[in-house]
Amino acid sequence: MRTFINVVGINEPLFYDPREATAAAYERTPVPGMMTFAVAEGLVIHGTGMAFLHGDFDIKGPLYIADTLTVIVEVAQSRPTSKPGRGLVTTRNTVVNQRGDVVMIYQPVPLTKGGGQA
């Protein structure tokens, strides 16, 4: 995680100093929301994504270091683009931790390989 926060420039002590996390009323050191999103998207796209076009994000609660995350993907809409072999697939992705707590819900609209057919 330290590499991620350094690379993206989130040099916030909350994410690497347990004392800061405790002072901010977290039970342990939290993971940045954008890292949660990055890992969740990495689990979902697996070679189909071409471009991330739009997304709505709602962080519901913290993900902590050493938590396990699962992404539940529901297809909301899909359609082909004017170029063959490409499509737009809108999903609702719910990220949960190992206890089943929802930590993030996001709705991405990526350009994908394929015809955009559900």
PDB file of N, CA and C in Angstrom:
ATOM      1  N   MET A   1       0.823  -1.185   0.000  1.00  0.00           N
ATOM      2  CA  MET A   1       0.000   0.000   0.000  1.00  0.00           C
ATOM      3  C   MET A   1       0.865   1.246   0.000  1.00  0.00           C
ATOM      4  N   ARG A   2       1.969   1.191   0.693  1.00  0.00           N
ATOM      5  CA  ARG A   2       2.841   2.369   0.760  1.00  0.00           C
ATOM      6  C   ARG A   2       3.288   2.811  -0.631  1.00  0.00           C
ATOM      7  N   THR A   3       3.609   1.851  -1.492  1.00  0.00           N
ATOM      8  CA  THR A   3       4.004   2.185  -2.858  1.00  0.00           C
ATOM      9  C   THR A   3       2.865   2.880  -3.584  1.00  0.00           C
ATOM     10  N   PHE A   4       1.648   2.380  -3.449  1.00  0.00           N
ATOM     11  CA  PHE A   4       0.492   2.990  -4.103  1.00  0.00           C
ATOM     12  C   PHE A   4       0.326   4.439  -3.654  1.00  0.00           C
ATOM     13  N   ILE A   5       0.326   4.681  -2.351  1.00  0.00           N
ATOM     14  CA  ILE A   5       0.096   6.055  -1.889  1.00  0.00           C
ATOM     15  C   ILE A   5       1.229   6.990  -2.293  1.00  0.00           C
ATOM     16  N   ASN A   6       2.449   6.468  -2.398  1.00  0.00           N
ATOM     17  CA  ASN A   6       3.556   7.302  -2.859  1.00  0.00           C
ATOM     18  C   ASN A   6       3.449   7.602  -4.351  1.00  0.00           C
ATOM     19  N   VAL A   7       3.098   6.593  -5.138  1.00  0.00           N
ATOM     20  CA  VAL A   7       3.005   6.778  -6.594  1.00  0.00           C
ATOM     21  C   VAL A   7       1.899   7.764  -6.958  1.00  0.00           C
ATOM     22  N   VAL A   8       0.749   7.654  -6.314  1.00  0.00           N
ATOM     23  CA  VAL A   8      -0.357   8.548  -6.666  1.00  0.00           C
ATOM     24  C   VAL A   8      -0.349   9.851  -5.866  1.00  0.00           C
ATOM     25  N   GLY A   9       0.553   9.983  -4.934  1.00  0.00           N
ATOM     26  CA  GLY A   9       0.726  11.249  -4.221  1.00  0.00           C
ATOM     27  C   GLY A   9      -0.223  11.483  -3.059  1.00  0.00           C
ATOM     28  N   ILE A  10      -0.791  10.438  -2.510  1.00  0.00           N
ATOM     29  CA  ILE A  10      -1.668  10.599  -1.344  1.00  0.00           C
ATOM     30  C   ILE A  10      -0.823  10.446  -0.086  1.00  0.00           C
ATOM     31  N   ASN A  11       0.065  11.346   0.128  1.00  0.00           N
ATOM     32  CA  ASN A  11       0.985  11.241   1.256  1.00  0.00           C
ATOM     33  C   ASN A  11       0.291  11.695   2.542  1.00  0.00           C
ATOM     34  N   GLU A  12      -0.740  10.964   2.897  1.00  0.00           N
ATOM     35  CA  GLU A  12      -1.556  11.257   4.069  1.00  0.00           C
ATOM     36  C   GLU A  12      -1.192  10.284   5.186  1.00  0.00           C
ATOM     37  N   PRO A  13      -0.706  10.766   6.324  1.00  0.00           N
ATOM     38  CA  PRO A  13      -0.301   9.869   7.413  1.00  0.00           C
ATOM     39  C   PRO A  13      -1.387   8.893   7.856  1.00  0.00           C
ATOM     40  N   LEU A  14      -2.631   9.245   7.679  1.00  0.00           N
ATOM     41  CA  LEU A  14      -3.743   8.367   8.011  1.00  0.00           C
ATOM     42  C   LEU A  14      -3.577   6.987   7.388  1.00  0.00           C
ATOM     43  N   PHE A  15      -2.968   6.925   6.178  1.00  0.00           N
ATOM     44  CA  PHE A  15      -2.858   5.676   5.445  1.00  0.00           C
ATOM     45  C   PHE A  15      -1.587   4.888   5.723  1.00  0.00           C
ATOM     46  N   TYR A  16      -0.678   5.427   6.524  1.00  0.00           N
ATOM     47  CA  TYR A  16       0.533   4.653   6.835  1.00  0.00           C
ATOM     48  C   TYR A  16       0.975   4.731   8.295  1.00  0.00           C
ATOM     49  N   ASP A  17       0.304   5.520   9.111  1.00  0.00           N
ATOM     50  CA  ASP A  17       0.665   5.630  10.520  1.00  0.00           C
ATOM     51  C   ASP A  17      -0.531   5.197  11.371  1.00  0.00           C
ATOM     52  N   PRO A  18      -0.442   4.037  12.010  1.00  0.00           N
ATOM     53  CA  PRO A  18      -1.572   3.544  12.816  1.00  0.00           C
ATOM     54  C   PRO A  18      -2.029   4.533  13.887  1.00  0.00           C
ATOM     55  N   ARG A  19      -1.115   5.339  14.409  1.00  0.00           N
ATOM     56  CA  ARG A  19      -1.510   6.343  15.417  1.00  0.00           C
ATOM     57  C   ARG A  19      -2.438   7.397  14.815  1.00  0.00           C
ATOM     58  N   GLU A  20      -2.147   7.794  13.586  1.00  0.00           N
ATOM     59  CA  GLU A  20      -3.001   8.767  12.891  1.00  0.00           C
ATOM     60  C   GLU A  20      -4.381   8.166  12.620  1.00  0.00           C
ATOM     61  N   ALA A  21      -4.405   6.898  12.230  1.00  0.00           N
ATOM     62  CA  ALA A  21      -5.678   6.224  11.970  1.00  0.00           C
ATOM     63  C   ALA A  21      -6.515   6.158  13.247  1.00  0.00           C
ATOM     64  N   THR A  22      -5.881   5.813  14.348  1.00  0.00           N
ATOM     65  CA  THR A  22      -6.578   5.749  15.632  1.00  0.00           C
ATOM     66  C   THR A  22      -7.084   7.129  16.045  1.00  0.00           C
ATOM     67  N   ALA A  23      -6.255   8.138  15.858  1.00  0.00           N
ATOM     68  CA  ALA A  23      -6.655   9.512  16.206  1.00  0.00           C
ATOM     69  C   ALA A  23      -7.840   9.983  15.367  1.00  0.00           C
ATOM     70  N   ALA A  24      -7.977   9.439  14.166  1.00  0.00           N
ATOM     71  CA  ALA A  24      -9.092   9.797  13.286  1.00  0.00           C
ATOM     72  C   ALA A  24     -10.295   8.877  13.498  1.00  0.00           C
ATOM     73  N   ALA A  25     -10.267   8.075  14.538  1.00  0.00           N
ATOM     74  CA  ALA A  25     -11.367   7.196  14.946  1.00  0.00           C
ATOM     75  C   ALA A  25     -11.560   5.972  14.042  1.00  0.00           C
ATOM     76  N   TYR A  26     -10.499   5.545  13.354  1.00  0.00           N
ATOM     77  CA  TYR A  26     -10.546   4.282  12.613  1.00  0.00           C
ATOM     78  C   TYR A  26     -10.061   3.176  13.532  1.00  0.00           C
ATOM     79  N   GLU A  27     -10.601   1.975  13.358  1.00  0.00           N
ATOM     80  CA  GLU A  27     -10.189   0.858  14.213  1.00  0.00           C
ATOM     81  C   GLU A  27      -8.792   0.355  13.860  1.00  0.00           C
ATOM     82  N   ARG A  28      -8.403   0.517  12.586  1.00  0.00           N
ATOM     83  CA  ARG A  28      -7.060   0.168  12.113  1.00  0.00           C
ATOM     84  C   ARG A  28      -6.707   1.098  10.953  1.00  0.00           C
ATOM     85  N   THR A  29      -5.597   0.835  10.311  1.00  0.00           N
ATOM     86  CA  THR A  29      -5.161   1.675   9.201  1.00  0.00           C
ATOM     87  C   THR A  29      -6.037   1.415   7.983  1.00  0.00           C
ATOM     88  N   PRO A  30      -6.738   2.469   7.471  1.00  0.00           N
ATOM     89  CA  PRO A  30      -7.612   2.279   6.315  1.00  0.00           C
ATOM     90  C   PRO A  30      -6.834   2.295   4.995  1.00  0.00           C
ATOM     91  N   VAL A  31      -7.457   1.730   3.995  1.00  0.00           N
ATOM     92  CA  VAL A  31      -6.928   1.730   2.631  1.00  0.00           C
ATOM     93  C   VAL A  31      -7.575   2.914   1.903  1.00  0.00           C
ATOM     94  N   PRO A  32      -6.820   3.678   1.121  1.00  0.00           N
ATOM     95  CA  PRO A  32      -7.442   4.784   0.370  1.00  0.00           C
ATOM     96  C   PRO A  32      -8.545   4.277  -0.554  1.00  0.00           C
ATOM     97  N   GLY A  33      -9.622   5.037  -0.667  1.00  0.00           N
ATOM     98  CA  GLY A  33     -10.736   4.649  -1.518  1.00  0.00           C
ATOM     99  C   GLY A  33     -10.320   4.410  -2.958  1.00  0.00           C
ATOM    100  N   MET A  34      -9.396   5.237  -3.478  1.00  0.00           N
ATOM    101  CA  MET A  34      -8.985   5.030  -4.864  1.00  0.00           C
ATOM    102  C   MET A  34      -8.177   3.755  -5.036  1.00  0.00           C
ATOM    103  N   MET A  35      -7.538   3.279  -3.981  1.00  0.00           N
ATOM    104  CA  MET A  35      -6.842   1.999  -4.068  1.00  0.00           C
ATOM    105  C   MET A  35      -7.863   0.854  -4.034  1.00  0.00           C
ATOM    106  N   THR A  36      -8.898   1.007  -3.215  1.00  0.00           N
ATOM    107  CA  THR A  36      -9.971   0.020  -3.182  1.00  0.00           C
ATOM    108  C   THR A  36     -10.578  -0.111  -4.577  1.00  0.00           C
ATOM    109  N   PHE A  37     -10.854   1.046  -5.211  1.00  0.00           N
ATOM    110  CA  PHE A  37     -11.398   1.036  -6.566  1.00  0.00           C
ATOM    111  C   PHE A  37     -10.432   0.370  -7.547  1.00  0.00           C
ATOM    112  N   ALA A  38      -9.152   0.710  -7.473  1.00  0.00           N
ATOM    113  CA  ALA A  38      -8.165   0.159  -8.402  1.00  0.00           C
ATOM    114  C   ALA A  38      -8.080  -1.365  -8.289  1.00  0.00           C
ATOM    115  N   VAL A  39      -8.063  -1.880  -7.070  1.00  0.00           N
ATOM    116  CA  VAL A  39      -8.002  -3.326  -6.883  1.00  0.00           C
ATOM    117  C   VAL A  39      -9.296  -3.977  -7.366  1.00  0.00           C
ATOM    118  N   ALA A  40     -10.441  -3.374  -7.045  1.00  0.00           N
ATOM    119  CA  ALA A  40     -11.731  -3.921  -7.481  1.00  0.00           C
ATOM    120  C   ALA A  40     -11.803  -3.974  -9.005  1.00  0.00           C
ATOM    121  N   GLU A  41     -11.413  -2.909  -9.674  1.00  0.00           N
ATOM    122  CA  GLU A  41     -11.437  -2.896 -11.139  1.00  0.00           C
ATOM    123  C   GLU A  41     -10.476  -3.923 -11.714  1.00  0.00           C
ATOM    124  N   GLY A  42      -9.341  -4.095 -11.082  1.00  0.00           N
ATOM    125  CA  GLY A  42      -8.389  -5.102 -11.530  1.00  0.00           C
ATOM    126  C   GLY A  42      -8.972  -6.505 -11.465  1.00  0.00           C
ATOM    127  N   LEU A  43      -9.827  -6.753 -10.488  1.00  0.00           N
ATOM    128  CA  LEU A  43     -10.476  -8.059 -10.374  1.00  0.00           C
ATOM    129  C   LEU A  43     -11.559  -8.254 -11.428  1.00  0.00           C
ATOM    130  N   VAL A  44     -12.132  -7.160 -11.901  1.00  0.00           N
ATOM    131  CA  VAL A  44     -13.282  -7.228 -12.796  1.00  0.00           C
ATOM    132  C   VAL A  44     -12.901  -7.239 -14.275  1.00  0.00           C
ATOM    133  N   ILE A  45     -11.972  -6.399 -14.706  1.00  0.00           N
ATOM    134  CA  ILE A  45     -11.790  -6.198 -16.150  1.00  0.00           C
ATOM    135  C   ILE A  45     -11.113  -7.338 -16.875  1.00  0.00           C
ATOM    136  N   HIS A  46     -10.101  -7.941 -16.344  1.00  0.00           N
ATOM    137  CA  HIS A  46      -9.428  -9.122 -16.906  1.00  0.00           C
ATOM    138  C   HIS A  46      -9.351  -9.177 -18.424  1.00  0.00           C
ATOM    139  N   GLY A  47      -8.701  -8.217 -19.038  1.00  0.00           N
ATOM    140  CA  GLY A  47      -8.426  -8.260 -20.461  1.00  0.00           C
ATOM    141  C   GLY A  47      -9.544  -7.796 -21.367  1.00  0.00           C
ATOM    142  N   THR A  48     -10.658  -7.329 -20.818  1.00  0.00           N
ATOM    143  CA  THR A  48     -11.759  -6.880 -21.670  1.00  0.00           C
ATOM    144  C   THR A  48     -11.841  -5.363 -21.781  1.00  0.00           C
ATOM    145  N   GLY A  49     -11.233  -4.662 -20.840  1.00  0.00           N
ATOM    146  CA  GLY A  49     -11.348  -3.210 -20.822  1.00  0.00           C
ATOM    147  C   GLY A  49     -10.458  -2.535 -21.850  1.00  0.00           C
ATOM    148  N   MET A  50     -11.006  -1.505 -22.496  1.00  0.00           N
ATOM    149  CA  MET A  50     -10.240  -0.718 -23.458  1.00  0.00           C
ATOM    150  C   MET A  50     -10.050   0.719 -22.964  1.00  0.00           C
ATOM    151  N   ALA A  51     -11.064   1.270 -22.289  1.00  0.00           N
ATOM    152  CA  ALA A  51     -10.978   2.633 -21.767  1.00  0.00           C
ATOM    153  C   ALA A  51     -12.046   2.815 -20.697  1.00  0.00           C
ATOM    154  N   PHE A  52     -11.688   3.537 -19.654  1.00  0.00           N
ATOM    155  CA  PHE A  52     -12.656   3.868 -18.603  1.00  0.00           C
ATOM    156  C   PHE A  52     -13.246   5.219 -18.980  1.00  0.00           C
ATOM    157  N   LEU A  53     -14.541   5.269 -19.276  1.00  0.00           N
ATOM    158  CA  LEU A  53     -15.165   6.484 -19.788  1.00  0.00           C
ATOM    159  C   LEU A  53     -15.859   7.324 -18.726  1.00  0.00           C
ATOM    160  N   HIS A  54     -16.444   6.673 -17.735  1.00  0.00           N
ATOM    161  CA  HIS A  54     -17.228   7.401 -16.730  1.00  0.00           C
ATOM    162  C   HIS A  54     -17.448   6.503 -15.527  1.00  0.00           C
ATOM    163  N   GLY A  55     -17.668   7.099 -14.385  1.00  0.00           N
ATOM    164  CA  GLY A  55     -17.991   6.307 -13.209  1.00  0.00           C
ATOM    165  C   GLY A  55     -18.595   7.146 -12.107  1.00  0.00           C
ATOM    166  N   ASP A  56     -19.517   6.566 -11.372  1.00  0.00           N
ATOM    167  CA  ASP A  56     -20.083   7.158 -10.160  1.00  0.00           C
ATOM    168  C   ASP A  56     -19.626   6.305  -8.991  1.00  0.00           C
ATOM    169  N   PHE A  57     -19.151   6.957  -7.918  1.00  0.00           N
ATOM    170  CA  PHE A  57     -18.580   6.240  -6.778  1.00  0.00           C
ATOM    171  C   PHE A  57     -19.279   6.650  -5.498  1.00  0.00           C
ATOM    172  N   ASP A  58     -19.474   5.688  -4.636  1.00  0.00           N
ATOM    173  CA  ASP A  58     -20.041   5.946  -3.313  1.00  0.00           C
ATOM    174  C   ASP A  58     -19.301   5.063  -2.315  1.00  0.00           C
ATOM    175  N   ILE A  59     -18.480   5.677  -1.487  1.00  0.00           N
ATOM    176  CA  ILE A  59     -17.749   4.933  -0.476  1.00  0.00           C
ATOM    177  C   ILE A  59     -18.643   4.809   0.754  1.00  0.00           C
ATOM    178  N   LYS A  60     -18.933   3.576   1.136  1.00  0.00           N
ATOM    179  CA  LYS A  60     -19.880   3.300   2.218  1.00  0.00           C
ATOM    180  C   LYS A  60     -19.211   3.079   3.564  1.00  0.00           C
ATOM    181  N   GLY A  61     -17.941   2.683   3.545  1.00  0.00           N
ATOM    182  CA  GLY A  61     -17.235   2.404   4.784  1.00  0.00           C
ATOM    183  C   GLY A  61     -15.787   2.087   4.476  1.00  0.00           C
ATOM    184  N   PRO A  62     -14.969   2.000   5.494  1.00  0.00           N
ATOM    185  CA  PRO A  62     -13.545   1.768   5.264  1.00  0.00           C
ATOM    186  C   PRO A  62     -13.206   0.319   4.940  1.00  0.00           C
ATOM    187  N   LEU A  63     -12.219   0.164   4.102  1.00  0.00           N
ATOM    188  CA  LEU A  63     -11.542  -1.107   3.902  1.00  0.00           C
ATOM    189  C   LEU A  63     -10.222  -0.942   4.643  1.00  0.00           C
ATOM    190  N   TYR A  64      -9.801  -1.958   5.368  1.00  0.00           N
ATOM    191  CA  TYR A  64      -8.587  -1.865   6.162  1.00  0.00           C
ATOM    192  C   TYR A  64      -7.494  -2.760   5.606  1.00  0.00           C
ATOM    193  N   ILE A  65      -6.256  -2.420   5.967  1.00  0.00           N
ATOM    194  CA  ILE A  65      -5.130  -3.274   5.609  1.00  0.00           C
ATOM    195  C   ILE A  65      -5.429  -4.687   6.097  1.00  0.00           C
ATOM    196  N   ALA A  66      -5.158  -5.669   5.268  1.00  0.00           N
ATOM    197  CA  ALA A  66      -5.354  -7.103   5.524  1.00  0.00           C
ATOM    198  C   ALA A  66      -6.794  -7.559   5.321  1.00  0.00           C
ATOM    199  N   ASP A  67      -7.715  -6.657   4.982  1.00  0.00           N
ATOM    200  CA  ASP A  67      -9.063  -7.093   4.639  1.00  0.00           C
ATOM    201  C   ASP A  67      -9.037  -7.785   3.282  1.00  0.00           C
ATOM    202  N   THR A  68     -10.018  -8.612   3.062  1.00  0.00           N
ATOM    203  CA  THR A  68     -10.224  -9.263   1.771  1.00  0.00           C
ATOM    204  C   THR A  68     -11.417  -8.593   1.116  1.00  0.00           C
ATOM    205  N   LEU A  69     -11.314  -8.327  -0.188  1.00  0.00           N
ATOM    206  CA  LEU A  69     -12.461  -7.726  -0.844  1.00  0.00           C
ATOM    207  C   LEU A  69     -12.993  -8.624  -1.949  1.00  0.00           C
ATOM    208  N   THR A  70     -14.288  -8.516  -2.158  1.00  0.00           N
ATOM    209  CA  THR A  70     -15.004  -9.229  -3.213  1.00  0.00           C
ATOM    210  C   THR A  70     -15.816  -8.186  -3.965  1.00  0.00           C
ATOM    211  N   VAL A  71     -15.917  -8.348  -5.283  1.00  0.00           N
ATOM    212  CA  VAL A  71     -16.708  -7.433  -6.089  1.00  0.00           C
ATOM    213  C   VAL A  71     -17.894  -8.200  -6.677  1.00  0.00           C
ATOM    214  N   ILE A  72     -19.081  -7.710  -6.410  1.00  0.00           N
ATOM    215  CA  ILE A  72     -20.307  -8.281  -6.969  1.00  0.00           C
ATOM    216  C   ILE A  72     -20.704  -7.376  -8.128  1.00  0.00           C
ATOM    217  N   VAL A  73     -20.749  -7.947  -9.334  1.00  0.00           N
ATOM    218  CA  VAL A  73     -20.998  -7.173 -10.549  1.00  0.00           C
ATOM    219  C   VAL A  73     -22.394  -7.479 -11.082  1.00  0.00           C
ATOM    220  N   GLU A  74     -23.182  -6.432 -11.297  1.00  0.00           N
ATOM    221  CA  GLU A  74     -24.507  -6.558 -11.898  1.00  0.00           C
ATOM    222  C   GLU A  74     -24.522  -5.716 -13.169  1.00  0.00           C
ATOM    223  N   VAL A  75     -24.820  -6.324 -14.299  1.00  0.00           N
ATOM    224  CA  VAL A  75     -24.891  -5.577 -15.551  1.00  0.00           C
ATOM    225  C   VAL A  75     -26.199  -4.792 -15.585  1.00  0.00           C
ATOM    226  N   ALA A  76     -26.088  -3.480 -15.763  1.00  0.00           N
ATOM    227  CA  ALA A  76     -27.256  -2.608 -15.817  1.00  0.00           C
ATOM    228  C   ALA A  76     -27.673  -2.323 -17.261  1.00  0.00           C
ATOM    229  N   GLN A  77     -26.666  -2.199 -18.140  1.00  0.00           N
ATOM    230  CA  GLN A  77     -26.963  -1.875 -19.530  1.00  0.00           C
ATOM    231  C   GLN A  77     -25.763  -2.246 -20.383  1.00  0.00           C
ATOM    232  N   SER A  78     -26.004  -2.661 -21.597  1.00  0.00           N
ATOM    233  CA  SER A  78     -24.906  -2.893 -22.528  1.00  0.00           C
ATOM    234  C   SER A  78     -25.386  -2.593 -23.936  1.00  0.00           C
ATOM    235  N   ARG A  79     -24.473  -2.095 -24.747  1.00  0.00           N
ATOM    236  CA  ARG A  79     -24.810  -1.817 -26.136  1.00  0.00           C
ATOM    237  C   ARG A  79     -23.534  -1.777 -26.965  1.00  0.00           C
ATOM    238  N   PRO A  80     -23.643  -2.156 -28.230  1.00  0.00           N
ATOM    239  CA  PRO A  80     -22.480  -2.068 -29.109  1.00  0.00           C
ATOM    240  C   PRO A  80     -22.215  -0.609 -29.488  1.00  0.00           C
ATOM    241  N   THR A  81     -20.982  -0.322 -29.840  1.00  0.00           N
ATOM    242  CA  THR A  81     -20.649   1.006 -30.352  1.00  0.00           C
ATOM    243  C   THR A  81     -20.721   0.962 -31.875  1.00  0.00           C
ATOM    244  N   SER A  82     -20.453   2.094 -32.498  1.00  0.00           N
ATOM    245  CA  SER A  82     -20.487   2.143 -33.968  1.00  0.00           C
ATOM    246  C   SER A  82     -19.310   1.396 -34.589  1.00  0.00           C
ATOM    247  N   LYS A  83     -18.261   1.146 -33.824  1.00  0.00           N
ATOM    248  CA  LYS A  83     -17.119   0.385 -34.325  1.00  0.00           C
ATOM    249  C   LYS A  83     -17.295  -1.083 -33.954  1.00  0.00           C
ATOM    250  N   PRO A  84     -17.132  -1.978 -34.907  1.00  0.00           N
ATOM    251  CA  PRO A  84     -17.288  -3.411 -34.622  1.00  0.00           C
ATOM    252  C   PRO A  84     -16.300  -3.897 -33.555  1.00  0.00           C
ATOM    253  N   GLY A  85     -16.768  -4.846 -32.744  1.00  0.00           N
ATOM    254  CA  GLY A  85     -15.904  -5.451 -31.732  1.00  0.00           C
ATOM    255  C   GLY A  85     -15.731  -4.643 -30.467  1.00  0.00           C
ATOM    256  N   ARG A  86     -16.557  -3.605 -30.316  1.00  0.00           N
ATOM    257  CA  ARG A  86     -16.492  -2.764 -29.111  1.00  0.00           C
ATOM    258  C   ARG A  86     -17.894  -2.556 -28.550  1.00  0.00           C
ATOM    259  N   GLY A  87     -17.958  -2.359 -27.260  1.00  0.00           N
ATOM    260  CA  GLY A  87     -19.244  -2.102 -26.639  1.00  0.00           C
ATOM    261  C   GLY A  87     -19.107  -1.279 -25.384  1.00  0.00           C
ATOM    262  N   LEU A  88     -20.222  -0.745 -24.927  1.00  0.00           N
ATOM    263  CA  LEU A  88     -20.297  -0.038 -23.651  1.00  0.00           C
ATOM    264  C   LEU A  88     -21.127  -0.901 -22.713  1.00  0.00           C
ATOM    265  N   VAL A  89     -20.575  -1.211 -21.555  1.00  0.00           N
ATOM    266  CA  VAL A  89     -21.268  -2.049 -20.585  1.00  0.00           C
ATOM    267  C   VAL A  89     -21.285  -1.310 -19.248  1.00  0.00           C
ATOM    268  N   THR A  90     -22.468  -0.889 -18.841  1.00  0.00           N
ATOM    269  CA  THR A  90     -22.624  -0.209 -17.558  1.00  0.00           C
ATOM    270  C   THR A  90     -22.954  -1.259 -16.503  1.00  0.00           C
ATOM    271  N   THR A  91     -22.195  -1.255 -15.422  1.00  0.00           N
ATOM    272  CA  THR A  91     -22.443  -2.202 -14.345  1.00  0.00           C
ATOM    273  C   THR A  91     -22.597  -1.473 -13.021  1.00  0.00           C
ATOM    274  N   ARG A  92     -23.143  -2.167 -12.067  1.00  0.00           N
ATOM    275  CA  ARG A  92     -23.180  -1.701 -10.673  1.00  0.00           C
ATOM    276  C   ARG A  92     -22.299  -2.682  -9.917  1.00  0.00           C
ATOM    277  N   ASN A  93     -21.182  -2.186  -9.409  1.00  0.00           N
ATOM    278  CA  ASN A  93     -20.210  -3.030  -8.729  1.00  0.00           C
ATOM    279  C   ASN A  93     -20.246  -2.736  -7.236  1.00  0.00           C
ATOM    280  N   THR A  94     -20.535  -3.758  -6.459  1.00  0.00           N
ATOM    281  CA  THR A  94     -20.592  -3.620  -5.013  1.00  0.00           C
ATOM    282  C   THR A  94     -19.365  -4.307  -4.425  1.00  0.00           C
ATOM    283  N   VAL A  95     -18.575  -3.558  -3.679  1.00  0.00           N
ATOM    284  CA  VAL A  95     -17.360  -4.084  -3.062  1.00  0.00           C
ATOM    285  C   VAL A  95     -17.662  -4.382  -1.594  1.00  0.00           C
ATOM    286  N   VAL A  96     -17.409  -5.628  -1.196  1.00  0.00           N
ATOM    287  CA  VAL A  96     -17.647  -6.032   0.185  1.00  0.00           C
ATOM    288  C   VAL A  96     -16.362  -6.592   0.789  1.00  0.00           C
ATOM    289  N   ASN A  97     -16.246  -6.462   2.104  1.00  0.00           N
ATOM    290  CA  ASN A  97     -15.092  -7.046   2.793  1.00  0.00           C
ATOM    291  C   ASN A  97     -15.413  -8.482   3.209  1.00  0.00           C
ATOM    292  N   GLN A  98     -14.500  -9.104   3.917  1.00  0.00           N
ATOM    293  CA  GLN A  98     -14.651 -10.508   4.299  1.00  0.00           C
ATOM    294  C   GLN A  98     -15.808 -10.756   5.260  1.00  0.00           C
ATOM    295  N   ARG A  99     -16.320  -9.722   5.885  1.00  0.00           N
ATOM    296  CA  ARG A  99     -17.469  -9.855   6.786  1.00  0.00           C
ATOM    297  C   ARG A  99     -18.789  -9.604   6.068  1.00  0.00           C
ATOM    298  N   GLY A 100     -18.706  -9.244   4.770  1.00  0.00           N
ATOM    299  CA  GLY A 100     -19.912  -8.942   4.005  1.00  0.00           C
ATOM    300  C   GLY A 100     -20.345  -7.495   4.107  1.00  0.00           C
ATOM    301  N   ASP A 101     -19.535  -6.655   4.765  1.00  0.00           N
ATOM    302  CA  ASP A 101     -19.854  -5.234   4.862  1.00  0.00           C
ATOM    303  C   ASP A 101     -19.597  -4.564   3.515  1.00  0.00           C
ATOM    304  N   VAL A 102     -20.549  -3.771   3.046  1.00  0.00           N
ATOM    305  CA  VAL A 102     -20.367  -3.029   1.805  1.00  0.00           C
ATOM    306  C   VAL A 102     -19.444  -1.846   2.089  1.00  0.00           C
ATOM    307  N   VAL A 103     -18.332  -1.771   1.363  1.00  0.00           N
ATOM    308  CA  VAL A 103     -17.385  -0.673   1.565  1.00  0.00           C
ATOM    309  C   VAL A 103     -17.414   0.330   0.413  1.00  0.00           C
ATOM    310  N   MET A 104     -17.900  -0.095  -0.760  1.00  0.00           N
ATOM    311  CA  MET A 104     -17.961   0.809  -1.906  1.00  0.00           C
ATOM    312  C   MET A 104     -18.970   0.276  -2.908  1.00  0.00           C
ATOM    313  N   ILE A 105     -19.683   1.208  -3.535  1.00  0.00           N
ATOM    314  CA  ILE A 105     -20.524   0.879  -4.683  1.00  0.00           C
ATOM    315  C   ILE A 105     -20.110   1.841  -5.775  1.00  0.00           C
ATOM    316  N   TYR A 106     -19.812   1.298  -6.945  1.00  0.00           N
ATOM    317  CA  TYR A 106     -19.477   2.184  -8.056  1.00  0.00           C
ATOM    318  C   TYR A 106     -20.107   1.664  -9.335  1.00  0.00           C
ATOM    319  N   GLN A 107     -20.389   2.594 -10.231  1.00  0.00           N
ATOM    320  CA  GLN A 107     -21.037   2.269 -11.490  1.00  0.00           C
ATOM    321  C   GLN A 107     -20.158   2.753 -12.636  1.00  0.00           C
ATOM    322  N   PRO A 108     -19.296   1.872 -13.151  1.00  0.00           N
ATOM    323  CA  PRO A 108     -18.411   2.271 -14.230  1.00  0.00           C
ATOM    324  C   PRO A 108     -19.075   2.126 -15.602  1.00  0.00           C
ATOM    325  N   VAL A 109     -18.596   2.938 -16.528  1.00  0.00           N
ATOM    326  CA  VAL A 109     -18.985   2.798 -17.930  1.00  0.00           C
ATOM    327  C   VAL A 109     -17.687   2.685 -18.733  1.00  0.00           C
ATOM    328  N   PRO A 110     -17.234   1.461 -18.949  1.00  0.00           N
ATOM    329  CA  PRO A 110     -16.016   1.272 -19.740  1.00  0.00           C
ATOM    330  C   PRO A 110     -16.339   0.948 -21.199  1.00  0.00           C
ATOM    331  N   LEU A 111     -15.394   1.276 -22.055  1.00  0.00           N
ATOM    332  CA  LEU A 111     -15.401   0.780 -23.428  1.00  0.00           C
ATOM    333  C   LEU A 111     -14.737  -0.588 -23.355  1.00  0.00           C
ATOM    334  N   THR A 112     -15.422  -1.604 -23.886  1.00  0.00           N
ATOM    335  CA  THR A 112     -14.916  -2.971 -23.759  1.00  0.00           C
ATOM    336  C   THR A 112     -14.763  -3.641 -25.104  1.00  0.00           C
ATOM    337  N   LYS A 113     -13.946  -4.674 -25.117  1.00  0.00           N
ATOM    338  CA  LYS A 113     -13.834  -5.542 -26.281  1.00  0.00           C
ATOM    339  C   LYS A 113     -15.108  -6.367 -26.361  1.00  0.00           C
ATOM    340  N   GLY A 114     -15.573  -6.613 -27.539  1.00  0.00           N
ATOM    341  CA  GLY A 114     -16.791  -7.386 -27.710  1.00  0.00           C
ATOM    342  C   GLY A 114     -17.892  -6.496 -28.252  1.00  0.00           C
ATOM    343  N   GLY A 115     -19.056  -7.034 -28.309  1.00  0.00           N
ATOM    344  CA  GLY A 115     -20.166  -6.306 -28.924  1.00  0.00           C
ATOM    345  C   GLY A 115     -21.050  -5.539 -27.976  1.00  0.00           C
ATOM    346  N   GLY A 116     -20.755  -5.546 -26.677  1.00  0.00           N
ATOM    347  CA  GLY A 116     -21.596  -4.840 -25.718  1.00  0.00           C
ATOM    348  C   GLY A 116     -22.933  -5.525 -25.487  1.00  0.00           C
ATOM    349  N   GLN A 117     -22.968  -6.829 -25.724  1.00  0.00           N
ATOM    350  CA  GLN A 117     -24.203  -7.567 -25.541  1.00  0.00           C
ATOM    351  C   GLN A 117     -24.187  -8.262 -24.184  1.00  0.00           C
ATOM    352  N   ALA A 118     -25.260  -8.118 -23.438  1.00  0.00           N
ATOM    353  CA  ALA A 118     -25.341  -8.709 -22.109  1.00  0.00           C
ATOM    354  C   ALA A 118     -25.567 -10.196 -22.177  1.00  0.00           C
TER     355      ALA A 118
END
